[in-house]
Amino acid sequence: MASTFQLSLKRLQFYLKAANSKGHGTHSPFVYHFITEILNDNRYFYAFGDIEPLKKELLRDKRKVNYYGQETTVASIMQTSLPAKYNQLLFRMVECYKPSYILEIGGSLGITTAYLTSPDKTKTVYTFQPNEQLEIVAQQTLKTLNLHHAISISKEQLLEKQNKNRLIVINHPHWETEDIIPDLSTLLEEESVLILTGINISLNKKMCWNKIVEQSMKTFSIELFDVGIIFFRKEVLKKQYFAIRF
């Protein structure tokens, strides 16, 4: 994993090369709409005010948990979780695209799941969390927020869902080294979205992200440094890659 200094340097290099977040020069109408109407949407939705105070409580939570072989605290895990601006981006994506099937692999103590669930509290969000202790905390988070439409599933059940228009978030800390990512060809079809977190936090993650981008056809790939997004679109004749400041 990169040190704080190395990560800051990589972030600076990315920002110097990446396009601005205004959408200038973007020829794809779909990507232009994503940048101008979703990425740059600064509205503060009611759900944010419910979720963020609970996140602050988790940042003070000293409960000990086993974090993939290492003993740590809930607060320490929360400190390395997905920043609020990315969770709020996921909320806006769900609200805009209205995916028929939402899946989160990994999760961050229920906070990201809460953002995925809140746009439509009647829609089920499926979660796969291989760490039982983190799953318990996540369920407590969702219960506190009165969100009852997140259902935990097993790894075997991941491949049973055949819905189109999927939105899949891979938010596991070791997705690049463990057998976490299922056969994406069975999960992702046209009109689907794949989001990967922490793509620049280590060399292995960056290499894995680049490999997925390279192997994915008919796609728009968008890198926001901390998060990578791949849109599978039927109108794409040649895959395109965008690096955007966020």
Protein backbone atom coordinates (compact mmCIF):
# COMPACT_ATOMS: atom_id res chain seq x y z
CA MET A 1 0.00 0.00 0.00
CA ALA A 2 1.26 3.47 -0.87
CA SER A 3 2.39 5.78 1.92
CA THR A 4 0.54 9.03 2.58
CA PHE A 5 3.29 10.96 0.79
CA GLN A 6 3.29 8.62 -2.22
CA LEU A 7 -0.50 8.79 -2.46
CA SER A 8 -0.44 12.59 -2.28
CA LEU A 9 2.17 12.71 -5.04
CA LYS A 10 0.12 10.35 -7.22
CA ARG A 11 -2.96 12.46 -6.60
CA LEU A 12 -1.13 15.62 -7.67
CA GLN A 13 0.16 13.93 -10.83
CA PHE A 14 -3.35 12.74 -11.62
CA TYR A 15 -4.85 16.22 -11.14
CA LEU A 16 -2.23 17.78 -13.43
CA LYS A 17 -3.11 15.37 -16.25
CA ALA A 18 -6.85 14.87 -15.70
CA ALA A 19 -9.58 16.86 -17.40
CA ASN A 20 -11.53 19.43 -15.43
CA SER A 21 -14.96 18.51 -14.11
CA LYS A 22 -16.89 20.86 -16.40
CA GLY A 23 -17.26 18.46 -19.31
CA HIS A 24 -15.51 20.71 -21.86
CA GLY A 25 -14.31 18.74 -24.86
CA THR A 26 -16.34 15.64 -23.99
CA HIS A 27 -17.95 14.37 -27.19
CA SER A 28 -20.06 11.61 -25.68
CA PRO A 29 -23.53 12.94 -24.71
CA PHE A 30 -23.81 10.22 -22.06
CA VAL A 31 -20.50 11.10 -20.39
CA TYR A 32 -21.21 14.83 -20.70
CA HIS A 33 -24.53 14.32 -18.91
CA PHE A 34 -22.80 12.28 -16.20
CA ILE A 35 -20.22 15.03 -15.61
CA THR A 36 -22.53 18.03 -15.69
CA GLU A 37 -25.70 16.62 -14.15
CA ILE A 38 -24.48 13.95 -11.70
CA LEU A 39 -20.80 14.51 -10.90
CA ASN A 40 -21.29 18.26 -10.46
CA ASP A 41 -24.67 18.10 -8.74
CA ASN A 42 -24.10 19.97 -5.47
CA ARG A 43 -27.56 19.48 -4.01
CA TYR A 44 -27.64 18.30 -0.40
CA PHE A 45 -30.25 15.56 -0.16
CA TYR A 46 -32.19 14.91 3.05
CA ALA A 47 -30.61 11.46 3.43
CA PHE A 48 -27.13 12.95 3.75
CA GLY A 49 -28.17 14.65 6.96
CA ASP A 50 -29.29 11.31 8.39
CA ILE A 51 -26.24 9.28 7.37
CA GLU A 52 -23.31 11.60 8.08
CA PRO A 53 -24.03 12.06 11.85
CA LEU A 54 -24.04 8.28 12.22
CA LYS A 55 -20.73 8.10 10.38
CA LYS A 56 -19.30 10.53 12.95
CA GLU A 57 -20.46 8.19 15.71
CA LEU A 58 -18.67 5.27 14.01
CA LEU A 59 -15.51 7.40 13.86
CA ARG A 60 -15.60 7.43 17.68
CA ASP A 61 -16.49 3.74 18.03
CA LYS A 62 -13.71 1.88 19.88
CA ARG A 63 -15.18 -1.61 19.51
CA LYS A 64 -12.52 -4.17 18.55
CA VAL A 65 -13.05 -6.17 15.37
CA ASN A 66 -10.99 -8.60 13.33
CA TYR A 67 -10.30 -6.81 10.07
CA TYR A 68 -9.21 -9.56 7.68
CA GLY A 69 -6.71 -11.07 10.12
CA GLN A 70 -5.73 -7.88 11.93
CA GLU A 71 -7.32 -6.62 15.16
CA THR A 72 -8.43 -3.01 14.91
CA THR A 73 -11.34 -0.78 15.88
CA VAL A 74 -14.50 0.29 14.13
CA ALA A 75 -13.22 3.88 14.26
CA SER A 76 -9.99 2.95 12.45
CA ILE A 77 -11.88 1.21 9.66
CA MET A 78 -14.24 4.16 9.31
CA GLN A 79 -11.27 6.52 8.91
CA THR A 80 -10.17 4.67 5.77
CA SER A 81 -13.66 4.31 4.30
CA LEU A 82 -14.98 5.95 1.17
CA PRO A 83 -15.15 9.77 1.56
CA ALA A 84 -18.58 11.37 1.75
CA LYS A 85 -18.36 13.00 -1.69
CA TYR A 86 -18.03 9.57 -3.34
CA ASN A 87 -20.85 8.04 -1.31
CA GLN A 88 -23.03 11.00 -2.26
CA LEU A 89 -22.05 10.50 -5.90
CA LEU A 90 -23.28 6.89 -5.64
CA PHE A 91 -26.55 8.19 -4.19
CA ARG A 92 -27.01 10.52 -7.18
CA MET A 93 -26.16 7.75 -9.64
CA VAL A 94 -28.78 5.46 -8.14
CA GLU A 95 -31.33 8.29 -8.16
CA CYS A 96 -30.61 9.18 -11.80
CA TYR A 97 -30.10 5.76 -13.43
CA LYS A 98 -32.62 3.84 -11.31
CA PRO A 99 -30.84 0.48 -11.66
CA SER A 100 -33.04 -2.60 -11.43
CA TYR A 101 -30.37 -4.48 -9.48
CA ILE A 102 -27.90 -2.99 -6.97
CA LEU A 103 -25.07 -5.04 -5.49
CA GLU A 104 -22.34 -3.99 -3.07
CA ILE A 105 -19.37 -6.30 -2.52
CA GLY A 106 -17.46 -5.42 0.64
CA GLY A 107 -19.06 -2.40 2.17
CA SER A 108 -17.96 0.10 4.78
CA LEU A 109 -19.78 -0.65 8.03
CA GLY A 110 -23.10 0.01 6.31
CA ILE A 111 -22.47 3.65 5.38
CA THR A 112 -22.04 3.12 1.64
CA THR A 113 -24.93 0.65 1.71
CA ALA A 114 -27.08 3.35 3.32
CA TYR A 115 -26.29 5.77 0.50
CA LEU A 116 -27.17 3.11 -2.08
CA THR A 117 -30.43 2.27 -0.32
CA SER A 118 -31.68 5.79 0.48
CA PRO A 119 -32.69 7.08 -2.98
CA ASP A 120 -35.52 4.51 -3.16
CA LYS A 121 -36.35 2.78 0.11
CA THR A 122 -38.62 0.31 -1.68
CA LYS A 123 -35.79 -1.11 -3.81
CA THR A 124 -33.67 -3.98 -2.53
CA VAL A 125 -29.90 -3.54 -2.31
CA TYR A 126 -27.95 -6.79 -2.18
CA THR A 127 -24.73 -6.90 -0.17
CA PHE A 128 -21.95 -9.45 0.08
CA GLN A 129 -19.70 -8.91 3.10
CA PRO A 130 -17.31 -11.83 3.74
CA ASN A 131 -16.28 -10.47 7.17
CA GLU A 132 -18.93 -11.51 9.70
CA GLN A 133 -17.95 -8.94 12.34
CA LEU A 134 -18.17 -6.06 9.86
CA GLU A 135 -21.50 -7.42 8.63
CA ILE A 136 -22.90 -7.19 12.19
CA VAL A 137 -21.84 -3.54 12.46
CA ALA A 138 -23.26 -2.80 9.00
CA GLN A 139 -26.64 -4.29 9.91
CA GLN A 140 -26.72 -2.19 13.08
CA THR A 141 -26.00 0.92 11.00
CA LEU A 142 -28.86 0.20 8.61
CA LYS A 143 -31.25 -0.61 11.45
CA THR A 144 -30.44 2.71 13.15
CA LEU A 145 -31.21 4.53 9.88
CA ASN A 146 -34.46 2.57 9.47
CA LEU A 147 -33.27 1.12 6.16
CA HIS A 148 -34.65 -2.38 5.82
CA HIS A 149 -34.17 -3.16 2.13
CA ALA A 150 -30.54 -4.29 2.19
CA ILE A 151 -30.25 -8.07 1.97
CA SER A 152 -27.05 -10.00 2.66
CA ILE A 153 -26.28 -12.74 0.16
CA SER A 154 -23.59 -15.41 -0.18
CA LYS A 155 -20.90 -15.45 -2.82
CA GLU A 156 -22.70 -18.29 -4.60
CA GLN A 157 -25.83 -16.14 -4.85
CA LEU A 158 -23.93 -13.36 -6.65
CA LEU A 159 -24.14 -15.22 -9.94
CA GLU A 160 -27.82 -16.09 -9.62
CA LYS A 161 -29.06 -12.58 -10.40
CA GLN A 162 -29.76 -12.05 -14.10
CA ASN A 163 -31.30 -8.58 -14.05
CA LYS A 164 -30.20 -6.06 -16.62
CA ASN A 165 -29.44 -2.42 -15.77
CA ARG A 166 -27.19 -3.34 -12.87
CA LEU A 167 -25.12 -1.12 -10.60
CA ILE A 168 -22.34 -2.99 -8.83
CA VAL A 169 -20.03 -1.43 -6.24
CA ILE A 170 -16.88 -3.35 -5.31
CA ASN A 171 -15.83 -1.79 -2.02
CA HIS A 172 -13.71 -4.58 -0.53
CA PRO A 173 -10.23 -3.60 0.82
CA HIS A 174 -8.51 -6.54 -0.90
CA TRP A 175 -10.51 -6.95 -4.08
CA GLU A 176 -7.35 -7.04 -6.18
CA THR A 177 -5.66 -9.96 -4.38
CA GLU A 178 -8.45 -12.18 -3.07
CA ASP A 179 -11.02 -14.17 -4.99
CA ILE A 180 -13.60 -11.44 -4.38
CA ILE A 181 -14.61 -10.30 -7.83
CA PRO A 182 -16.95 -12.85 -9.46
CA ASP A 183 -17.08 -13.58 -13.16
CA LEU A 184 -17.99 -10.08 -14.30
CA SER A 185 -19.14 -11.34 -17.70
CA THR A 186 -22.11 -12.99 -15.95
CA LEU A 187 -22.96 -9.91 -13.89
CA LEU A 188 -22.44 -7.07 -16.31
CA GLU A 189 -24.38 -6.50 -19.48
CA GLU A 190 -25.31 -3.48 -21.56
CA GLU A 191 -26.66 -0.58 -19.51
CA SER A 192 -24.80 -1.74 -16.40
CA VAL A 193 -22.34 0.16 -14.19
CA LEU A 194 -19.31 -1.13 -12.27
CA ILE A 195 -17.71 0.99 -9.53
CA LEU A 196 -14.37 0.06 -7.96
CA THR A 197 -12.99 1.89 -4.91
CA GLY A 198 -9.38 2.58 -3.94
CA ILE A 199 -8.01 2.01 -7.42
CA ASN A 200 -4.84 4.05 -6.79
CA ILE A 201 -4.12 3.02 -3.21
CA SER A 202 -1.63 0.31 -4.28
CA LEU A 203 0.20 -0.86 -7.39
CA ASN A 204 -1.75 -4.13 -7.42
CA LYS A 205 -5.08 -2.31 -7.35
CA LYS A 206 -4.00 0.02 -10.14
CA MET A 207 -2.85 -2.91 -12.28
CA CYS A 208 -6.11 -4.76 -11.64
CA TRP A 209 -8.16 -1.65 -12.55
CA ASN A 210 -6.16 -1.21 -15.78
CA LYS A 211 -6.72 -4.87 -16.66
CA ILE A 212 -10.49 -4.61 -16.14
CA VAL A 213 -10.61 -1.45 -18.27
CA GLU A 214 -8.55 -3.11 -21.00
CA GLN A 215 -10.70 -6.25 -21.08
CA SER A 216 -14.06 -4.47 -20.95
CA MET A 217 -15.55 -3.81 -24.38
CA LYS A 218 -18.26 -1.28 -25.36
CA THR A 219 -17.52 0.85 -22.30
CA PHE A 220 -16.95 4.35 -21.02
CA SER A 221 -14.33 4.16 -18.24
CA ILE A 222 -14.05 7.10 -15.86
CA GLU A 223 -11.26 7.50 -13.31
CA LEU A 224 -11.80 9.93 -10.42
CA PHE A 225 -8.53 8.87 -8.74
CA ASP A 226 -10.06 7.29 -5.63
CA VAL A 227 -12.84 5.58 -7.59
CA GLY A 228 -13.11 4.01 -11.02
CA ILE A 229 -16.42 3.77 -12.88
CA ILE A 230 -17.13 1.64 -15.94
CA PHE A 231 -20.35 2.18 -17.89
CA PHE A 232 -21.34 -0.67 -20.21
CA ARG A 233 -23.28 1.02 -23.03
CA LYS A 234 -24.66 -0.48 -26.23
CA GLU A 235 -24.04 2.72 -28.20
CA VAL A 236 -20.26 2.57 -27.61
CA LEU A 237 -18.52 1.65 -30.85
CA LYS A 238 -15.03 2.01 -29.36
CA LYS A 239 -14.30 2.00 -25.65
CA GLN A 240 -13.24 5.34 -24.22
CA TYR A 241 -11.34 6.33 -21.08
CA PHE A 242 -11.69 9.59 -19.15
CA ALA A 243 -9.64 10.88 -16.21
CA ILE A 244 -11.61 13.60 -14.43
CA ARG A 245 -10.85 15.76 -11.39
CA PHE A 246 -13.38 15.41 -8.63
